[in-house]
Structures are given as C-alpha cells and as structure tokens.
PDB file of N, CA and C in Angstrom:
ATOM      1  N   UNK A   1      -6.765  20.095  -6.670  1.00  0.00           N
ATOM      2  CA  UNK A   1      -5.898  19.341  -6.745  1.00  0.00           C
ATOM      3  C   UNK A   1      -5.856  18.231  -5.732  1.00  0.00           C
ATOM      4  N   UNK A   2      -6.905  16.814  -5.955  1.00  0.00           N
ATOM      5  CA  UNK A   2      -7.047  16.313  -4.805  1.00  0.00           C
ATOM      6  C   UNK A   2      -5.468  15.267  -4.593  1.00  0.00           C
ATOM      7  N   UNK A   3      -5.349  15.090  -3.343  1.00  0.00           N
ATOM      8  CA  UNK A   3      -4.045  14.639  -3.226  1.00  0.00           C
ATOM      9  C   UNK A   3      -4.005  13.651  -2.043  1.00  0.00           C
ATOM     10  N   UNK A   4      -3.936  12.140  -2.475  1.00  0.00           N
ATOM     11  CA  UNK A   4      -3.573  11.197  -1.359  1.00  0.00           C
ATOM     12  C   UNK A   4      -1.871  10.576  -1.239  1.00  0.00           C
ATOM     13  N   UNK A   5      -0.874  11.173  -0.443  1.00  0.00           N
ATOM     14  CA  UNK A   5       0.002  10.982  -0.107  1.00  0.00           C
ATOM     15  C   UNK A   5       0.713   9.933   1.036  1.00  0.00           C
ATOM     16  N   UNK A   6       1.508   9.252   0.796  1.00  0.00           N
ATOM     17  CA  UNK A   6       2.368   8.184   1.828  1.00  0.00           C
ATOM     18  C   UNK A   6       3.041   8.542   2.927  1.00  0.00           C
ATOM     19  N   UNK A   7       3.006   9.349   3.869  1.00  0.00           N
ATOM     20  CA  UNK A   7       4.421   9.584   4.975  1.00  0.00           C
ATOM     21  C   UNK A   7       5.017   8.955   4.799  1.00  0.00           C
ATOM     22  N   UNK A   8       5.753   7.787   4.452  1.00  0.00           N
ATOM     23  CA  UNK A   8       6.918   7.486   4.425  1.00  0.00           C
ATOM     24  C   UNK A   8       7.375   7.142   2.908  1.00  0.00           C
ATOM     25  N   UNK A   9       6.836   8.299   2.222  1.00  0.00           N
ATOM     26  CA  UNK A   9       7.277   8.269   0.491  1.00  0.00           C
ATOM     27  C   UNK A   9       8.896   8.608   0.539  1.00  0.00           C
ATOM     28  N   UNK A  10      10.071   9.088   1.550  1.00  0.00           N
ATOM     29  CA  UNK A  10      10.782   9.530   1.405  1.00  0.00           C
ATOM     30  C   UNK A  10      12.058   8.959   1.738  1.00  0.00           C
ATOM     31  N   UNK A  11      11.411   7.503   1.507  1.00  0.00           N
ATOM     32  CA  UNK A  11      12.142   6.488   1.289  1.00  0.00           C
ATOM     33  C   UNK A  11      12.476   5.953  -0.225  1.00  0.00           C
ATOM     34  N   UNK A  12      13.945   5.357  -0.190  1.00  0.00           N
ATOM     35  CA  UNK A  12      13.916   5.476  -1.531  1.00  0.00           C
ATOM     36  C   UNK A  12      13.828   4.293  -2.108  1.00  0.00           C
ATOM     37  N   UNK A  13      13.005   4.079  -3.795  1.00  0.00           N
ATOM     38  CA  UNK A  13      12.781   2.884  -3.776  1.00  0.00           C
ATOM     39  C   UNK A  13      13.256   2.600  -5.310  1.00  0.00           C
ATOM     40  N   UNK A  14      13.586   1.331  -5.193  1.00  0.00           N
ATOM     41  CA  UNK A  14      14.169   0.629  -6.317  1.00  0.00           C
ATOM     42  C   UNK A  14      13.310   0.563  -7.414  1.00  0.00           C
ATOM     43  N   UNK A  15      12.035   0.832  -8.261  1.00  0.00           N
ATOM     44  CA  UNK A  15      11.456   1.062  -8.808  1.00  0.00           C
ATOM     45  C   UNK A  15       9.826   1.666  -8.584  1.00  0.00           C
ATOM     46  N   UNK A  16      10.031   2.081  -9.876  1.00  0.00           N
ATOM     47  CA  UNK A  16       8.714   3.948  -9.902  1.00  0.00           C
ATOM     48  C   UNK A  16       7.853   3.058 -11.178  1.00  0.00           C
ATOM     49  N   UNK A  17       7.042   3.476 -10.779  1.00  0.00           N
ATOM     50  CA  UNK A  17       6.064   3.288 -12.062  1.00  0.00           C
ATOM     51  C   UNK A  17       4.656   4.632 -11.578  1.00  0.00           C
ATOM     52  N   UNK A  18       4.735   5.144 -13.043  1.00  0.00           N
ATOM     53  CA  UNK A  18       3.739   6.024 -13.207  1.00  0.00           C
ATOM     54  C   UNK A  18       2.875   6.008 -14.064  1.00  0.00           C
ATOM     55  N   UNK A  19       1.438   5.953 -13.201  1.00  0.00           N
ATOM     56  CA  UNK A  19       0.298   5.192 -14.062  1.00  0.00           C
ATOM     57  C   UNK A  19      -0.514   6.645 -14.701  1.00  0.00           C
ATOM     58  N   UNK A  20      -0.709   6.394 -15.656  1.00  0.00           N
ATOM     59  CA  UNK A  20      -1.991   7.671 -15.967  1.00  0.00           C
ATOM     60  C   UNK A  20      -3.138   7.114 -16.639  1.00  0.00           C
ATOM     61  N   UNK A  21      -4.097   7.513 -15.393  1.00  0.00           N
ATOM     62  CA  UNK A  21      -5.232   7.548 -15.846  1.00  0.00           C
ATOM     63  C   UNK A  21      -6.185   8.691 -16.436  1.00  0.00           C
ATOM     64  N   UNK A  22      -7.260   8.129 -17.419  1.00  0.00           N
ATOM     65  CA  UNK A  22      -8.247   9.155 -17.733  1.00  0.00           C
ATOM     66  C   UNK A  22      -9.772   8.565 -17.731  1.00  0.00           C
ATOM     67  N   UNK A  23     -10.051   8.749 -16.719  1.00  0.00           N
ATOM     68  CA  UNK A  23     -11.546   8.064 -16.839  1.00  0.00           C
ATOM     69  C   UNK A  23     -12.480   8.714 -17.314  1.00  0.00           C
ATOM     70  N   UNK A  24     -13.215   7.992 -18.247  1.00  0.00           N
ATOM     71  CA  UNK A  24     -14.423   7.987 -18.895  1.00  0.00           C
ATOM     72  C   UNK A  24     -15.104   9.742 -18.494  1.00  0.00           C
ATOM     73  N   UNK A  25     -16.202  10.335 -19.130  1.00  0.00           N
ATOM     74  CA  UNK A  25     -16.712  11.272 -18.599  1.00  0.00           C
ATOM     75  C   UNK A  25     -17.764  10.637 -17.681  1.00  0.00           C
ATOM     76  N   UNK A  26     -17.617  11.416 -16.551  1.00  0.00           N
ATOM     77  CA  UNK A  26     -18.614  11.227 -15.764  1.00  0.00           C
ATOM     78  C   UNK A  26     -17.888  10.074 -14.988  1.00  0.00           C
ATOM     79  N   UNK A  27     -17.600   9.281 -14.693  1.00  0.00           N
ATOM     80  CA  UNK A  27     -16.534   8.698 -13.987  1.00  0.00           C
ATOM     81  C   UNK A  27     -15.105   8.883 -13.294  1.00  0.00           C
ATOM     82  N   UNK A  28     -15.245  10.205 -13.283  1.00  0.00           N
ATOM     83  CA  UNK A  28     -14.089  10.269 -11.988  1.00  0.00           C
ATOM     84  C   UNK A  28     -13.912  10.538 -10.303  1.00  0.00           C
ATOM     85  N   UNK A  29     -15.423  11.202 -10.097  1.00  0.00           N
ATOM     86  CA  UNK A  29     -15.860  10.833  -8.968  1.00  0.00           C
ATOM     87  C   UNK A  29     -15.153   9.299  -8.396  1.00  0.00           C
ATOM     88  N   UNK A  30     -16.055   8.367  -9.145  1.00  0.00           N
ATOM     89  CA  UNK A  30     -16.243   6.701  -8.888  1.00  0.00           C
ATOM     90  C   UNK A  30     -14.506   6.311  -8.888  1.00  0.00           C
ATOM     91  N   UNK A  31     -14.066   6.648  -9.798  1.00  0.00           N
ATOM     92  CA  UNK A  31     -12.369   6.608  -9.768  1.00  0.00           C
ATOM     93  C   UNK A  31     -11.572   6.821  -8.733  1.00  0.00           C
ATOM     94  N   UNK A  32     -11.718   8.053  -8.389  1.00  0.00           N
ATOM     95  CA  UNK A  32     -11.159   8.406  -7.025  1.00  0.00           C
ATOM     96  C   UNK A  32     -11.241   8.080  -6.056  1.00  0.00           C
ATOM     97  N   UNK A  33     -12.898   7.401  -5.913  1.00  0.00           N
ATOM     98  CA  UNK A  33     -13.583   6.496  -4.420  1.00  0.00           C
ATOM     99  C   UNK A  33     -12.542   5.213  -4.394  1.00  0.00           C
ATOM    100  N   UNK A  34     -12.196   4.448  -5.894  1.00  0.00           N
ATOM    101  CA  UNK A  34     -11.884   3.206  -5.441  1.00  0.00           C
ATOM    102  C   UNK A  34     -10.168   2.852  -5.061  1.00  0.00           C
ATOM    103  N   UNK A  35      -9.935   4.320  -5.823  1.00  0.00           N
ATOM    104  CA  UNK A  35      -8.229   4.642  -6.089  1.00  0.00           C
ATOM    105  C   UNK A  35      -8.223   4.448  -4.337  1.00  0.00           C
ATOM    106  N   UNK A  36      -8.711   5.692  -3.618  1.00  0.00           N
ATOM    107  CA  UNK A  36      -8.872   5.351  -2.275  1.00  0.00           C
ATOM    108  C   UNK A  36      -8.771   4.312  -1.461  1.00  0.00           C
ATOM    109  N   UNK A  37      -9.127   3.054  -1.579  1.00  0.00           N
ATOM    110  CA  UNK A  37      -9.422   1.763  -1.606  1.00  0.00           C
ATOM    111  C   UNK A  37      -8.350   1.165  -1.579  1.00  0.00           C
ATOM    112  N   UNK A  38      -8.225   0.970  -3.178  1.00  0.00           N
ATOM    113  CA  UNK A  38      -6.671   0.561  -4.398  1.00  0.00           C
ATOM    114  C   UNK A  38      -5.701   1.180  -2.945  1.00  0.00           C
ATOM    115  N   UNK A  39      -5.194   2.424  -2.474  1.00  0.00           N
ATOM    116  CA  UNK A  39      -3.786   3.355  -1.955  1.00  0.00           C
ATOM    117  C   UNK A  39      -4.186   2.475  -0.474  1.00  0.00           C
ATOM    118  N   UNK A  40      -4.898   2.090   0.108  1.00  0.00           N
ATOM    119  CA  UNK A  40      -4.836   2.030   1.157  1.00  0.00           C
ATOM    120  C   UNK A  40      -4.357   0.166   1.011  1.00  0.00           C
ATOM    121  N   UNK A  41      -5.181  -0.079   0.643  1.00  0.00           N
ATOM    122  CA  UNK A  41      -4.588  -1.942   0.453  1.00  0.00           C
ATOM    123  C   UNK A  41      -3.271  -2.307   0.013  1.00  0.00           C
ATOM    124  N   UNK A  42      -2.339  -1.040  -1.232  1.00  0.00           N
ATOM    125  CA  UNK A  42      -1.394  -1.194  -2.127  1.00  0.00           C
ATOM    126  C   UNK A  42      -0.731  -1.086  -0.817  1.00  0.00           C
ATOM    127  N   UNK A  43      -0.596  -0.209   0.047  1.00  0.00           N
ATOM    128  CA  UNK A  43       0.560   0.123   0.942  1.00  0.00           C
ATOM    129  C   UNK A  43       0.769  -0.384   1.416  1.00  0.00           C
ATOM    130  N   UNK A  44       0.121  -1.569   2.192  1.00  0.00           N
ATOM    131  CA  UNK A  44       0.319  -2.621   3.069  1.00  0.00           C
ATOM    132  C   UNK A  44       0.716  -3.550   2.119  1.00  0.00           C
ATOM    133  N   UNK A  45       1.258  -3.896   1.349  1.00  0.00           N
ATOM    134  CA  UNK A  45       2.216  -4.650   0.772  1.00  0.00           C
ATOM    135  C   UNK A  45       3.474  -4.703   1.157  1.00  0.00           C
ATOM    136  N   UNK A  46       3.743  -6.036   1.370  1.00  0.00           N
ATOM    137  CA  UNK A  46       5.437  -6.209   1.641  1.00  0.00           C
ATOM    138  C   UNK A  46       6.033  -5.123   0.683  1.00  0.00           C
ATOM    139  N   UNK A  47       6.193  -5.000  -0.221  1.00  0.00           N
ATOM    140  CA  UNK A  47       7.420  -4.662  -1.386  1.00  0.00           C
ATOM    141  C   UNK A  47       6.891  -3.258  -1.610  1.00  0.00           C
ATOM    142  N   UNK A  48       5.698  -2.867  -1.112  1.00  0.00           N
ATOM    143  CA  UNK A  48       5.898  -1.578  -1.371  1.00  0.00           C
ATOM    144  C   UNK A  48       6.371  -0.416  -0.571  1.00  0.00           C
ATOM    145  N   UNK A  49       7.084   0.723  -1.195  1.00  0.00           N
ATOM    146  CA  UNK A  49       7.678   1.971  -0.207  1.00  0.00           C
ATOM    147  C   UNK A  49       6.571   2.771  -0.661  1.00  0.00           C
ATOM    148  N   UNK A  50       5.902   3.497  -1.339  1.00  0.00           N
ATOM    149  CA  UNK A  50       4.573   4.018  -1.567  1.00  0.00           C
ATOM    150  C   UNK A  50       3.563   3.923  -2.738  1.00  0.00           C
ATOM    151  N   UNK A  51       2.588   4.884  -2.429  1.00  0.00           N
ATOM    152  CA  UNK A  51       1.597   4.659  -3.205  1.00  0.00           C
ATOM    153  C   UNK A  51       0.728   5.929  -3.065  1.00  0.00           C
ATOM    154  N   UNK A  52       0.765   6.836  -4.175  1.00  0.00           N
ATOM    155  CA  UNK A  52       0.067   8.175  -4.065  1.00  0.00           C
ATOM    156  C   UNK A  52      -0.263   8.406  -5.449  1.00  0.00           C
ATOM    157  N   UNK A  53      -1.882   9.162  -5.365  1.00  0.00           N
ATOM    158  CA  UNK A  53      -2.253   9.817  -6.761  1.00  0.00           C
ATOM    159  C   UNK A  53      -2.821  10.895  -6.600  1.00  0.00           C
ATOM    160  N   UNK A  54      -2.655  11.958  -7.789  1.00  0.00           N
ATOM    161  CA  UNK A  54      -2.602  12.954  -7.962  1.00  0.00           C
ATOM    162  C   UNK A  54      -3.937  13.533  -8.747  1.00  0.00           C
ATOM    163  N   UNK A  55      -5.246  14.106  -9.059  1.00  0.00           N
ATOM    164  CA  UNK A  55      -5.692  14.431  -9.517  1.00  0.00           C
ATOM    165  C   UNK A  55      -6.587  15.713  -9.459  1.00  0.00           C
ATOM    166  N   UNK A  56      -6.439  16.800 -10.507  1.00  0.00           N
ATOM    167  CA  UNK A  56      -5.467  16.511 -12.013  1.00  0.00           C
ATOM    168  C   UNK A  56      -4.543  16.177 -12.260  1.00  0.00           C
ATOM    169  N   UNK A  57      -4.004  15.375 -13.205  1.00  0.00           N
ATOM    170  CA  UNK A  57      -2.670  15.480 -13.704  1.00  0.00           C
ATOM    171  C   UNK A  57      -2.111  16.324 -14.300  1.00  0.00           C
ATOM    172  N   UNK A  58      -0.946  16.296 -15.005  1.00  0.00           N
ATOM    173  CA  UNK A  58      -0.494  17.336 -15.673  1.00  0.00           C
ATOM    174  C   UNK A  58      -1.652  17.899 -16.849  1.00  0.00           C
ATOM    175  N   UNK A  59      -2.836  16.832 -17.390  1.00  0.00           N
ATOM    176  CA  UNK A  59      -3.150  16.776 -18.686  1.00  0.00           C
ATOM    177  C   UNK A  59      -5.222  17.111 -17.761  1.00  0.00           C
ATOM    178  N   UNK A  60      -5.512  18.085 -18.335  1.00  0.00           N
ATOM    179  CA  UNK A  60      -6.928  17.521 -17.549  1.00  0.00           C
ATOM    180  C   UNK A  60      -7.686  16.588 -17.642  1.00  0.00           C
ATOM    181  N   UNK A  61      -8.329  15.992 -16.510  1.00  0.00           N
ATOM    182  CA  UNK A  61      -9.647  14.753 -16.541  1.00  0.00           C
ATOM    183  C   UNK A  61      -7.957  13.699 -16.400  1.00  0.00           C
ATOM    184  N   UNK A  62      -6.826  14.073 -16.350  1.00  0.00           N
ATOM    185  CA  UNK A  62      -6.085  12.692 -15.484  1.00  0.00           C
ATOM    186  C   UNK A  62      -6.075  12.455 -14.483  1.00  0.00           C
ATOM    187  N   UNK A  63      -5.325  11.149 -14.065  1.00  0.00           N
ATOM    188  CA  UNK A  63      -5.059  11.150 -12.922  1.00  0.00           C
ATOM    189  C   UNK A  63      -3.723  10.160 -12.860  1.00  0.00           C
ATOM    190  N   UNK A  64      -2.792  11.363 -12.163  1.00  0.00           N
ATOM    191  CA  UNK A  64      -1.734  10.555 -11.693  1.00  0.00           C
ATOM    192  C   UNK A  64      -1.264   9.359 -10.536  1.00  0.00           C
ATOM    193  N   UNK A  65      -1.111   8.427 -10.935  1.00  0.00           N
ATOM    194  CA  UNK A  65      -0.872   7.327  -9.638  1.00  0.00           C
ATOM    195  C   UNK A  65       0.675   7.158  -9.732  1.00  0.00           C
ATOM    196  N   UNK A  66       1.010   7.808  -8.883  1.00  0.00           N
ATOM    197  CA  UNK A  66       3.197   7.094  -8.526  1.00  0.00           C
ATOM    198  C   UNK A  66       3.463   5.795  -7.452  1.00  0.00           C
ATOM    199  N   UNK A  67       3.686   5.097  -7.961  1.00  0.00           N
ATOM    200  CA  UNK A  67       4.210   3.999  -7.185  1.00  0.00           C
ATOM    201  C   UNK A  67       5.139   3.717  -6.985  1.00  0.00           C
ATOM    202  N   UNK A  68       5.666   3.375  -5.600  1.00  0.00           N
ATOM    203  CA  UNK A  68       7.484   2.954  -5.450  1.00  0.00           C
ATOM    204  C   UNK A  68       7.468   1.636  -4.710  1.00  0.00           C
ATOM    205  N   UNK A  69       7.906   0.437  -5.131  1.00  0.00           N
ATOM    206  CA  UNK A  69       8.497  -0.590  -4.559  1.00  0.00           C
ATOM    207  C   UNK A  69       9.804  -0.447  -5.195  1.00  0.00           C
ATOM    208  N   UNK A  70      10.122  -1.511  -4.287  1.00  0.00           N
ATOM    209  CA  UNK A  70      11.511  -1.994  -3.544  1.00  0.00           C
ATOM    210  C   UNK A  70      12.221  -3.097  -4.516  1.00  0.00           C
ATOM    211  N   UNK A  71      11.342  -3.676  -5.646  1.00  0.00           N
ATOM    212  CA  UNK A  71      11.961  -4.008  -6.977  1.00  0.00           C
ATOM    213  C   UNK A  71      10.750  -3.787  -7.880  1.00  0.00           C
ATOM    214  N   UNK A  72      11.402  -4.479  -9.201  1.00  0.00           N
ATOM    215  CA  UNK A  72      10.187  -4.615 -10.326  1.00  0.00           C
ATOM    216  C   UNK A  72       9.122  -6.337  -9.997  1.00  0.00           C
ATOM    217  N   UNK A  73       9.818  -7.045  -9.109  1.00  0.00           N
ATOM    218  CA  UNK A  73       9.379  -8.195  -9.006  1.00  0.00           C
ATOM    219  C   UNK A  73       8.105  -7.887  -7.760  1.00  0.00           C
ATOM    220  N   UNK A  74       8.654  -6.420  -6.850  1.00  0.00           N
ATOM    221  CA  UNK A  74       7.786  -6.380  -6.050  1.00  0.00           C
ATOM    222  C   UNK A  74       6.253  -5.876  -6.531  1.00  0.00           C
ATOM    223  N   UNK A  75       6.453  -5.155  -7.253  1.00  0.00           N
ATOM    224  CA  UNK A  75       5.225  -4.831  -8.630  1.00  0.00           C
ATOM    225  C   UNK A  75       4.326  -5.373  -8.802  1.00  0.00           C
ATOM    226  N   UNK A  76       5.524  -6.918  -9.630  1.00  0.00           N
ATOM    227  CA  UNK A  76       4.931  -8.235 -10.163  1.00  0.00           C
ATOM    228  C   UNK A  76       4.128  -8.523  -9.111  1.00  0.00           C
ATOM    229  N   UNK A  77       3.800  -8.709  -7.870  1.00  0.00           N
ATOM    230  CA  UNK A  77       3.563  -9.422  -6.883  1.00  0.00           C
ATOM    231  C   UNK A  77       2.076  -8.213  -6.922  1.00  0.00           C
ATOM    232  N   UNK A  78       2.245  -6.738  -6.703  1.00  0.00           N
ATOM    233  CA  UNK A  78       1.138  -6.418  -6.677  1.00  0.00           C
ATOM    234  C   UNK A  78       0.101  -6.416  -7.884  1.00  0.00           C
ATOM    235  N   UNK A  79       0.600  -6.579  -8.831  1.00  0.00           N
ATOM    236  CA  UNK A  79      -0.223  -6.574  -9.874  1.00  0.00           C
ATOM    237  C   UNK A  79      -0.687  -7.935 -10.137  1.00  0.00           C
ATOM    238  N   UNK A  80      -0.375  -8.969  -9.163  1.00  0.00           N
ATOM    239  CA  UNK A  80      -1.283 -10.140  -9.095  1.00  0.00           C
ATOM    240  C   UNK A  80      -2.245 -10.204  -7.943  1.00  0.00           C
ATOM    241  N   UNK A  81      -1.984  -9.213  -7.329  1.00  0.00           N
ATOM    242  CA  UNK A  81      -2.622  -8.995  -5.531  1.00  0.00           C
ATOM    243  C   UNK A  81      -4.148  -9.226  -5.676  1.00  0.00           C
ATOM    244  N   UNK A  82      -4.982  -9.850  -4.758  1.00  0.00           N
ATOM    245  CA  UNK A  82      -6.304  -9.772  -4.608  1.00  0.00           C
ATOM    246  C   UNK A  82      -6.924  -8.205  -5.338  1.00  0.00           C
ATOM    247  N   UNK A  83      -6.521  -7.349  -4.511  1.00  0.00           N
ATOM    248  CA  UNK A  83      -7.359  -5.898  -4.035  1.00  0.00           C
ATOM    249  C   UNK A  83      -6.858  -5.466  -5.454  1.00  0.00           C
ATOM    250  N   UNK A  84      -5.546  -5.912  -6.108  1.00  0.00           N
ATOM    251  CA  UNK A  84      -5.584  -5.152  -7.784  1.00  0.00           C
ATOM    252  C   UNK A  84      -6.557  -5.502  -8.425  1.00  0.00           C
ATOM    253  N   UNK A  85      -6.903  -6.692  -8.609  1.00  0.00           N
ATOM    254  CA  UNK A  85      -7.551  -7.471  -9.402  1.00  0.00           C
ATOM    255  C   UNK A  85      -9.190  -7.000  -9.099  1.00  0.00           C
ATOM    256  N   UNK A  86      -9.893  -7.062  -7.994  1.00  0.00           N
ATOM    257  CA  UNK A  86     -10.870  -6.758  -7.579  1.00  0.00           C
ATOM    258  C   UNK A  86     -11.060  -5.045  -7.733  1.00  0.00           C
ATOM    259  N   UNK A  87     -10.105  -5.026  -7.002  1.00  0.00           N
ATOM    260  CA  UNK A  87     -10.445  -3.048  -7.126  1.00  0.00           C
ATOM    261  C   UNK A  87     -10.326  -2.415  -8.555  1.00  0.00           C
ATOM    262  N   UNK A  88      -8.673  -2.915  -9.044  1.00  0.00           N
ATOM    263  CA  UNK A  88      -8.279  -2.097 -10.076  1.00  0.00           C
ATOM    264  C   UNK A  88      -8.774  -2.704 -11.640  1.00  0.00           C
ATOM    265  N   UNK A  89      -8.204  -4.160 -11.287  1.00  0.00           N
ATOM    266  CA  UNK A  89      -8.951  -5.020 -12.955  1.00  0.00           C
ATOM    267  C   UNK A  89     -10.185  -4.733 -13.072  1.00  0.00           C
ATOM    268  N   UNK A  90     -11.023  -5.304 -12.063  1.00  0.00           N
ATOM    269  CA  UNK A  90     -12.498  -5.274 -12.589  1.00  0.00           C
ATOM    270  C   UNK A  90     -13.419  -4.065 -12.122  1.00  0.00           C
ATOM    271  N   UNK A  91     -13.095  -2.919 -11.479  1.00  0.00           N
ATOM    272  CA  UNK A  91     -13.685  -2.150 -11.454  1.00  0.00           C
ATOM    273  C   UNK A  91     -13.034  -0.799 -11.373  1.00  0.00           C
ATOM    274  N   UNK A  92     -12.031  -0.109 -11.536  1.00  0.00           N
ATOM    275  CA  UNK A  92     -11.324   0.984 -12.103  1.00  0.00           C
ATOM    276  C   UNK A  92     -10.960   0.911 -13.387  1.00  0.00           C
ATOM    277  N   UNK A  93     -10.344  -0.187 -14.190  1.00  0.00           N
ATOM    278  CA  UNK A  93     -10.359  -0.019 -15.129  1.00  0.00           C
ATOM    279  C   UNK A  93     -11.286  -0.030 -16.690  1.00  0.00           C
ATOM    280  N   UNK A  94     -12.644  -0.618 -16.415  1.00  0.00           N
ATOM    281  CA  UNK A  94     -13.762  -0.481 -17.286  1.00  0.00           C
ATOM    282  C   UNK A  94     -14.284   1.034 -17.266  1.00  0.00           C
ATOM    283  N   UNK A  95     -13.968   1.490 -16.240  1.00  0.00           N
ATOM    284  CA  UNK A  95     -14.448   2.877 -16.117  1.00  0.00           C
ATOM    285  C   UNK A  95     -13.338   4.022 -16.568  1.00  0.00           C
ATOM    286  N   UNK A  96     -12.587   3.591 -17.673  1.00  0.00           N
ATOM    287  CA  UNK A  96     -11.069   4.558 -18.103  1.00  0.00           C
ATOM    288  C   UNK A  96     -11.274   4.631 -19.074  1.00  0.00           C
ATOM    289  N   UNK A  97     -11.521   5.663 -19.734  1.00  0.00           N
ATOM    290  CA  UNK A  97     -11.111   5.625 -21.928  1.00  0.00           C
ATOM    291  C   UNK A  97     -10.044   5.867 -21.739  1.00  0.00           C
ATOM    292  N   UNK A  98      -8.668   5.672 -21.088  1.00  0.00           N
ATOM    293  CA  UNK A  98      -7.361   5.342 -21.586  1.00  0.00           C
ATOM    294  C   UNK A  98      -6.314   5.197 -20.338  1.00  0.00           C
ATOM    295  N   UNK A  99      -5.538   4.499 -20.356  1.00  0.00           N
ATOM    296  CA  UNK A  99      -4.356   4.488 -19.281  1.00  0.00           C
ATOM    297  C   UNK A  99      -3.185   4.190 -20.040  1.00  0.00           C
ATOM    298  N   UNK A 100      -2.350   4.683 -19.149  1.00  0.00           N
ATOM    299  CA  UNK A 100      -0.692   4.662 -19.975  1.00  0.00           C
ATOM    300  C   UNK A 100       0.044   4.603 -18.332  1.00  0.00           C
ATOM    301  N   UNK A 101       0.495   3.250 -18.567  1.00  0.00           N
ATOM    302  CA  UNK A 101       2.243   2.505 -17.195  1.00  0.00           C
ATOM    303  C   UNK A 101       3.206   3.176 -17.627  1.00  0.00           C
ATOM    304  N   UNK A 102       4.091   3.701 -16.955  1.00  0.00           N
ATOM    305  CA  UNK A 102       5.747   3.885 -17.022  1.00  0.00           C
ATOM    306  C   UNK A 102       6.158   3.146 -16.216  1.00  0.00           C
ATOM    307  N   UNK A 103       7.253   2.425 -16.342  1.00  0.00           N
ATOM    308  CA  UNK A 103       8.183   2.114 -15.106  1.00  0.00           C
ATOM    309  C   UNK A 103       9.639   2.178 -15.625  1.00  0.00           C
ATOM    310  N   UNK A 104      10.341   3.240 -14.163  1.00  0.00           N
ATOM    311  CA  UNK A 104      11.722   2.814 -14.284  1.00  0.00           C
ATOM    312  C   UNK A 104      12.256   2.551 -13.358  1.00  0.00           C
ATOM    313  N   UNK A 105      13.454   2.175 -13.376  1.00  0.00           N
ATOM    314  CA  UNK A 105      14.770   1.523 -12.242  1.00  0.00           C
ATOM    315  C   UNK A 105      15.169   3.094 -12.120  1.00  0.00           C
ATOM    316  N   UNK A 106      15.260   3.276 -10.506  1.00  0.00           N
ATOM    317  CA  UNK A 106      15.850   4.468  -9.572  1.00  0.00           C
ATOM    318  C   UNK A 106      17.106   3.771  -8.545  1.00  0.00           C
TER     319      UNK A 106
END
C-alpha cells in the first residue's frame, strides 16, 4: 500500500471529502505521480487541514484520497484552484475509468 500522509492530520476538520479514483488500465503509476504534486499544492491551501492518499484503497485498483478542510467553502476554493484545474481536472481525471466523491460535515 502506498501512503502519503500529512503530519498535521491530527487537527479536527469540519469538512471531510473522500475521493475514490479508479485509474484506467496502465494509468495507476502516472495518477499516483500526479497525486503527489496535487497533494503538495493542496496542503498549502489556507483552508486545508489534511490531504492524504492511499493505494490501493479497499477495492483493488482504487486510489482513496482523504481530504480535510475547515469548511465546505474551503473545499469549493480548492476545486477552483489553479493546481486542481491543471493537475486534477486536466491531467488526472482523463486517466480515470471512474471516480466517486463523498462529502461529510464532521
């Protein structure tokens, strides 16, 4: 299992996001490489409390991304960030067969 964790993850967040990514056959290594860059950039966001990813997730071939933000608004800012657009939307998402996003207030 590959794990990328944030040392500040013990903080309590108010908004939890679970992203389940399923790379297309042969794309897992590239998705993981891009996720390392996206993780670094996302952790620098003002409203980010934690950003970790795990591979494999519970399902073979799944990458689980666990994101924590101070609010749903901070997550919305993340989704509009330059790094999410250029790395997430333009590079990672086209490499996926499927993805599912779950959001929770905690």
